[in-house]
């Protein structure tokens, strides 16, 4: 009976997330238009997160570029945190207490948090552009899938538990991709 209630609560939660649109997987709206189209093509689905920043035209070239990079990384960190909050919630609902001791609620939370740290630390600024007014624009990119795999491996999860984790994560982040595709927002 408890198992049935748990599955019903998971189904209702997923339906609410899908109905409400879930987290926003679109590229940053402030980014230049040509970058937004490229971001959608390069990284469909929810596994890649983008951060955008700009630097003032009234600064020196180096200072403007450094400010744009810093703002892009800061924006990226916030977006990674939001994306992983969605992922963490879905993984806890799907996997916690599923019979094995490998994936308990606290383990899932710690694992996803570590994956976020790995993703942000490995992230880099992918693009720079200086506009006609002299302002710098920067685009940072983080990939969550390799970070989650590394965090699961470092945590010492069994191969079966890692596979369950990655499959569930694919389903959670992939659900937004299919919804986004029909909205014309093929994800990030």
Protein backbone atom coordinates (compact mmCIF):
# COMPACT_ATOMS: atom_id res chain seq x y z
CA UNK A 1 0.00 0.00 0.00
CA UNK A 2 2.81 2.40 0.86
CA UNK A 3 4.52 1.65 -2.40
CA UNK A 4 1.34 2.47 -4.31
CA UNK A 5 0.95 5.76 -2.43
CA UNK A 6 4.58 6.63 -3.10
CA UNK A 7 4.19 5.98 -6.84
CA UNK A 8 0.97 8.00 -6.92
CA UNK A 9 2.68 10.93 -5.19
CA UNK A 10 5.57 10.75 -7.67
CA UNK A 11 3.13 10.67 -10.59
CA UNK A 12 1.18 13.66 -9.24
CA UNK A 13 4.41 15.61 -8.62
CA UNK A 14 5.70 14.93 -12.12
CA UNK A 15 2.35 15.89 -13.62
CA UNK A 16 2.40 19.18 -11.69
CA UNK A 17 5.95 19.92 -12.80
CA UNK A 18 5.04 19.19 -16.42
CA UNK A 19 1.83 21.22 -16.21
CA UNK A 20 3.54 24.19 -14.59
CA UNK A 21 6.42 24.09 -17.02
CA UNK A 22 9.06 22.93 -14.53
CA UNK A 23 12.36 24.77 -14.40
CA UNK A 24 13.29 27.12 -17.17
CA UNK A 25 15.73 25.35 -19.51
CA UNK A 26 15.87 28.15 -22.07
CA UNK A 27 19.05 30.07 -22.83
CA UNK A 28 19.53 33.40 -21.01
CA UNK A 29 17.27 36.01 -22.62
CA UNK A 30 19.91 38.74 -22.31
CA UNK A 31 22.36 36.83 -24.50
CA UNK A 32 22.79 38.01 -28.09
CA UNK A 33 20.17 36.48 -30.40
CA UNK A 34 22.67 34.57 -32.54
CA UNK A 35 24.03 32.91 -29.38
CA UNK A 36 20.57 31.79 -28.26
CA UNK A 37 19.95 29.81 -31.45
CA UNK A 38 23.38 28.21 -31.18
CA UNK A 39 22.81 27.31 -27.52
CA UNK A 40 19.61 25.50 -28.38
CA UNK A 41 21.31 23.50 -31.14
CA UNK A 42 24.47 22.65 -29.20
CA UNK A 43 22.78 21.40 -26.06
CA UNK A 44 19.19 20.20 -26.31
CA UNK A 45 17.64 18.96 -23.10
CA UNK A 46 18.52 19.81 -19.55
CA UNK A 47 22.08 18.51 -19.19
CA UNK A 48 23.85 21.71 -20.25
CA UNK A 49 23.46 24.98 -18.38
CA UNK A 50 24.41 28.39 -19.75
CA UNK A 51 25.30 31.59 -17.94
CA UNK A 52 25.47 35.02 -19.54
CA UNK A 53 27.20 38.20 -18.45
CA UNK A 54 28.14 41.55 -19.87
CA UNK A 55 30.78 44.11 -19.02
CA UNK A 56 30.56 47.86 -19.33
CA UNK A 57 31.85 49.72 -22.36
CA UNK A 58 33.16 52.50 -20.11
CA UNK A 59 35.90 50.23 -18.72
CA UNK A 60 39.21 49.20 -20.17
CA UNK A 61 39.18 46.21 -22.53
CA UNK A 62 40.58 43.84 -19.91
CA UNK A 63 38.30 45.09 -17.11
CA UNK A 64 35.19 44.91 -19.30
CA UNK A 65 35.99 41.38 -20.39
CA UNK A 66 36.79 40.28 -16.82
CA UNK A 67 33.50 41.77 -15.60
CA UNK A 68 31.57 39.96 -18.34
CA UNK A 69 33.29 36.67 -17.43
CA UNK A 70 32.57 37.14 -13.73
CA UNK A 71 28.92 37.92 -14.35
CA UNK A 72 28.58 34.94 -16.71
CA UNK A 73 30.05 32.59 -14.08
CA UNK A 74 27.80 34.04 -11.38
CA UNK A 75 24.73 33.65 -13.60
CA UNK A 76 25.84 30.10 -14.42
CA UNK A 77 26.17 29.15 -10.75
CA UNK A 78 22.61 30.34 -10.06
CA UNK A 79 21.23 28.46 -13.04
CA UNK A 80 23.11 25.26 -12.11
CA UNK A 81 21.69 25.51 -8.60
CA UNK A 82 18.14 25.89 -9.93
CA UNK A 83 18.55 23.02 -12.39
CA UNK A 84 20.01 20.73 -9.73
CA UNK A 85 17.22 21.63 -7.30
CA UNK A 86 14.76 20.29 -9.86
CA UNK A 87 16.92 17.21 -10.44
CA UNK A 88 17.41 16.58 -6.71
CA UNK A 89 13.68 16.72 -6.04
CA UNK A 90 12.93 14.31 -8.87
CA UNK A 91 15.66 11.86 -7.86
CA UNK A 92 14.54 11.81 -4.23
CA UNK A 93 10.96 11.13 -5.29
CA UNK A 94 11.98 8.36 -7.68
CA UNK A 95 14.88 6.65 -5.96
CA UNK A 96 14.95 7.27 -2.21
CA UNK A 97 13.99 4.20 -0.22
CA UNK A 98 13.64 2.09 -3.35
CA UNK A 99 14.88 -1.01 -1.58
CA UNK A 100 18.66 -0.64 -1.74
CA UNK A 101 20.82 1.25 0.73
CA UNK A 102 22.83 2.79 -2.13
CA UNK A 103 20.51 5.71 -2.79
CA UNK A 104 19.01 7.13 0.36
CA UNK A 105 17.59 10.65 0.47
CA UNK A 106 20.65 12.14 2.19
CA UNK A 107 22.98 10.39 -0.27
CA UNK A 108 21.06 11.74 -3.25
CA UNK A 109 21.12 15.28 -1.87
CA UNK A 110 24.87 15.12 -1.14
CA UNK A 111 25.60 13.54 -4.51
CA UNK A 112 23.66 16.17 -6.47
CA UNK A 113 25.28 18.96 -4.46
CA UNK A 114 28.73 17.56 -5.23
CA UNK A 115 27.79 17.20 -8.90
CA UNK A 116 26.93 20.91 -8.94
CA UNK A 117 30.29 21.81 -7.43
CA UNK A 118 32.09 19.67 -10.00
CA UNK A 119 30.08 21.15 -12.89
CA UNK A 120 30.66 24.77 -11.85
CA UNK A 121 34.37 24.19 -11.18
CA UNK A 122 34.80 22.53 -14.58
CA UNK A 123 32.74 25.18 -16.40
CA UNK A 124 34.40 27.61 -18.68
CA UNK A 125 33.58 30.74 -20.58
CA UNK A 126 32.84 29.46 -24.08
CA UNK A 127 32.36 32.69 -25.99
CA UNK A 128 33.27 36.35 -25.87
CA UNK A 129 31.97 39.12 -28.07
CA UNK A 130 32.40 42.85 -28.05
CA UNK A 131 29.49 44.82 -29.45
CA UNK A 132 29.49 48.07 -31.43
CA UNK A 133 29.18 50.15 -28.25
CA UNK A 134 32.28 48.50 -26.78
CA UNK A 135 30.52 46.32 -24.17
CA UNK A 136 31.76 42.78 -23.66
CA UNK A 137 29.44 39.77 -23.64
CA UNK A 138 30.46 36.38 -22.21
CA UNK A 139 28.78 32.99 -22.25
CA UNK A 140 29.70 30.30 -19.71
CA UNK A 141 28.74 26.63 -20.07
CA UNK A 142 28.51 23.77 -17.56
CA UNK A 143 27.76 20.14 -18.36
CA UNK A 144 25.87 18.27 -15.65
CA UNK A 145 25.97 14.70 -16.95
CA UNK A 146 29.73 14.11 -16.57
CA UNK A 147 29.63 15.91 -13.22
CA UNK A 148 26.85 13.65 -11.93
CA UNK A 149 28.70 10.56 -13.18
CA UNK A 150 31.90 11.68 -11.45
CA UNK A 151 30.08 12.46 -8.20
CA UNK A 152 28.37 9.03 -8.25
CA UNK A 153 31.67 7.30 -8.95
CA UNK A 154 33.44 9.24 -6.18
CA UNK A 155 30.64 8.37 -3.77
CA UNK A 156 31.36 4.68 -4.32
CA UNK A 157 27.94 3.70 -5.63
CA UNK A 158 27.56 0.25 -7.11
CA UNK A 159 27.36 0.06 -10.92
CA UNK A 160 23.66 -0.83 -10.65
CA UNK A 161 22.94 2.16 -8.41
CA UNK A 162 24.88 4.48 -10.76
CA UNK A 163 22.88 3.17 -13.72
CA UNK A 164 19.57 3.69 -11.88
CA UNK A 165 20.66 7.19 -10.92
CA UNK A 166 21.69 8.18 -14.45
CA UNK A 167 18.57 6.66 -16.01
CA UNK A 168 16.30 8.51 -13.59
CA UNK A 169 18.24 11.75 -14.15
CA UNK A 170 17.91 11.32 -17.93
CA UNK A 171 14.16 10.88 -17.57
CA UNK A 172 13.82 13.92 -15.29
CA UNK A 173 15.87 16.27 -17.46
CA UNK A 174 14.72 14.67 -20.74
CA UNK A 175 11.04 15.25 -19.87
CA UNK A 176 11.60 18.98 -20.20
CA UNK A 177 13.38 18.48 -23.53
CA UNK A 178 10.36 16.83 -25.13
CA UNK A 179 8.02 19.48 -23.69
CA UNK A 180 10.39 22.25 -24.79
CA UNK A 181 10.60 20.89 -28.30
CA UNK A 182 6.92 21.36 -28.91
CA UNK A 183 7.12 24.89 -27.52
CA UNK A 184 9.89 25.76 -29.95
CA UNK A 185 12.35 25.96 -27.06
CA UNK A 186 14.42 22.84 -27.66
CA UNK A 187 16.07 23.27 -24.25
CA UNK A 188 19.43 24.87 -23.70
